[in-house]
Amino acid sequence: MINTTEKRCQFVRERYLGGLCKTCWYKCPGYGAPVTFPQAKDKPCPPIGSNGLVDTSFIELKCR
């Protein structure tokens, strides 16, 4: 997880590559490439928390 509250991430898209998990893409200031997190196919991508960062506690255990 990005460890500074100065970052403000925005959800970009989901990408399905097969298997149990999909990849959730986020755009975060200061990072050239998208920041990605795995998530179960049948669950929504992790939300952006009140601090502006991706809340990784929403990632399903099977994809961690």
C-alpha atoms as a PDB file:
ATOM      1  CA  MET A   1       0.000   0.000   0.000  1.00  0.00           C
ATOM      2  CA  ILE A   2       1.157   3.507  -0.684  1.00  0.00           C
ATOM      3  CA  ASN A   3       2.190   4.801   2.706  1.00  0.00           C
ATOM      4  CA  THR A   4       1.681   8.540   2.529  1.00  0.00           C
ATOM      5  CA  THR A   5      -1.552  10.485   2.906  1.00  0.00           C
ATOM      6  CA  GLU A   6      -0.275  13.001   0.345  1.00  0.00           C
ATOM      7  CA  LYS A   7      -1.232  10.558  -2.401  1.00  0.00           C
ATOM      8  CA  ARG A   8      -4.725  10.628  -3.902  1.00  0.00           C
ATOM      9  CA  CYS A   9      -5.600   7.551  -5.913  1.00  0.00           C
ATOM     10  CA  GLN A  10      -8.356   7.137  -8.488  1.00  0.00           C
ATOM     11  CA  PHE A  11      -9.819   3.902  -9.787  1.00  0.00           C
ATOM     12  CA  VAL A  12      -9.012   3.350 -13.471  1.00  0.00           C
ATOM     13  CA  ARG A  13     -10.302  -0.098 -14.478  1.00  0.00           C
ATOM     14  CA  GLU A  14     -10.453  -3.827 -13.852  1.00  0.00           C
ATOM     15  CA  ARG A  15      -8.576  -6.341 -15.950  1.00  0.00           C
ATOM     16  CA  TYR A  16      -9.442 -10.035 -16.139  1.00  0.00           C
ATOM     17  CA  LEU A  17      -6.595 -12.410 -16.886  1.00  0.00           C
ATOM     18  CA  GLY A  18      -8.249 -15.731 -16.014  1.00  0.00           C
ATOM     19  CA  GLY A  19      -8.366 -17.636 -12.759  1.00  0.00           C
ATOM     20  CA  LEU A  20     -10.055 -16.648  -9.494  1.00  0.00           C
ATOM     21  CA  CYS A  21      -8.761 -13.075  -9.370  1.00  0.00           C
ATOM     22  CA  LYS A  22      -8.842  -9.924 -11.464  1.00  0.00           C
ATOM     23  CA  THR A  23      -6.468  -6.959 -11.343  1.00  0.00           C
ATOM     24  CA  CYS A  24      -7.719  -3.570 -10.146  1.00  0.00           C
ATOM     25  CA  TRP A  25      -5.857  -0.574 -11.588  1.00  0.00           C
ATOM     26  CA  TYR A  26      -5.517   2.796  -9.859  1.00  0.00           C
ATOM     27  CA  LYS A  27      -3.843   6.043 -10.858  1.00  0.00           C
ATOM     28  CA  CYS A  28      -1.931   7.666  -7.992  1.00  0.00           C
ATOM     29  CA  PRO A  29      -0.067  11.001  -8.228  1.00  0.00           C
ATOM     30  CA  GLY A  30       3.689  10.547  -8.328  1.00  0.00           C
ATOM     31  CA  TYR A  31       3.531   7.082  -9.930  1.00  0.00           C
ATOM     32  CA  GLY A  32       4.061   6.778 -13.670  1.00  0.00           C
ATOM     33  CA  ALA A  33       2.604   3.292 -13.983  1.00  0.00           C
ATOM     34  CA  PRO A  34      -0.779   2.236 -12.629  1.00  0.00           C
ATOM     35  CA  VAL A  35      -0.830   0.892  -9.079  1.00  0.00           C
ATOM     36  CA  THR A  36      -2.413  -2.561  -9.158  1.00  0.00           C
ATOM     37  CA  PHE A  37      -4.079  -4.843  -6.620  1.00  0.00           C
ATOM     38  CA  PRO A  38      -5.566  -8.325  -7.082  1.00  0.00           C
ATOM     39  CA  GLN A  39      -9.199  -8.894  -6.167  1.00  0.00           C
ATOM     40  CA  ALA A  40     -11.648 -11.773  -6.450  1.00  0.00           C
ATOM     41  CA  LYS A  41     -13.577 -11.802  -9.732  1.00  0.00           C
ATOM     42  CA  ASP A  42     -16.953 -11.696  -7.984  1.00  0.00           C
ATOM     43  CA  LYS A  43     -16.080  -8.777  -5.657  1.00  0.00           C
ATOM     44  CA  PRO A  44     -15.756  -5.050  -6.354  1.00  0.00           C
ATOM     45  CA  CYS A  45     -12.305  -3.497  -6.486  1.00  0.00           C
ATOM     46  CA  PRO A  46     -11.063  -2.018  -3.203  1.00  0.00           C
ATOM     47  CA  PRO A  47     -12.504   1.449  -2.529  1.00  0.00           C
ATOM     48  CA  ILE A  48     -10.524   4.609  -1.952  1.00  0.00           C
ATOM     49  CA  GLY A  49     -10.397   5.326   1.793  1.00  0.00           C
ATOM     50  CA  SER A  50     -11.029   8.684   3.444  1.00  0.00           C
ATOM     51  CA  ASN A  51      -7.265   9.314   3.363  1.00  0.00           C
ATOM     52  CA  GLY A  52      -7.265   9.135  -0.450  1.00  0.00           C
ATOM     53  CA  LEU A  53      -5.506   5.766  -0.597  1.00  0.00           C
ATOM     54  CA  VAL A  54      -6.693   2.357  -1.762  1.00  0.00           C
ATOM     55  CA  ASP A  55      -8.203   0.488   1.193  1.00  0.00           C
ATOM     56  CA  THR A  56      -6.487  -2.879   0.818  1.00  0.00           C
ATOM     57  CA  SER A  57      -8.442  -4.395   3.720  1.00  0.00           C
ATOM     58  CA  PHE A  58     -11.217  -5.035   1.163  1.00  0.00           C
ATOM     59  CA  ILE A  59      -9.044  -7.424  -0.883  1.00  0.00           C
ATOM     60  CA  GLU A  60     -10.365 -10.974  -0.633  1.00  0.00           C
ATOM     61  CA  LEU A  61      -8.019 -13.380   1.147  1.00  0.00           C
ATOM     62  CA  LYS A  62      -7.901 -15.798  -1.790  1.00  0.00           C
ATOM     63  CA  CYS A  63      -6.218 -13.088  -3.881  1.00  0.00           C
ATOM     64  CA  ARG A  64      -3.662 -11.858  -1.357  1.00  0.00           C
END
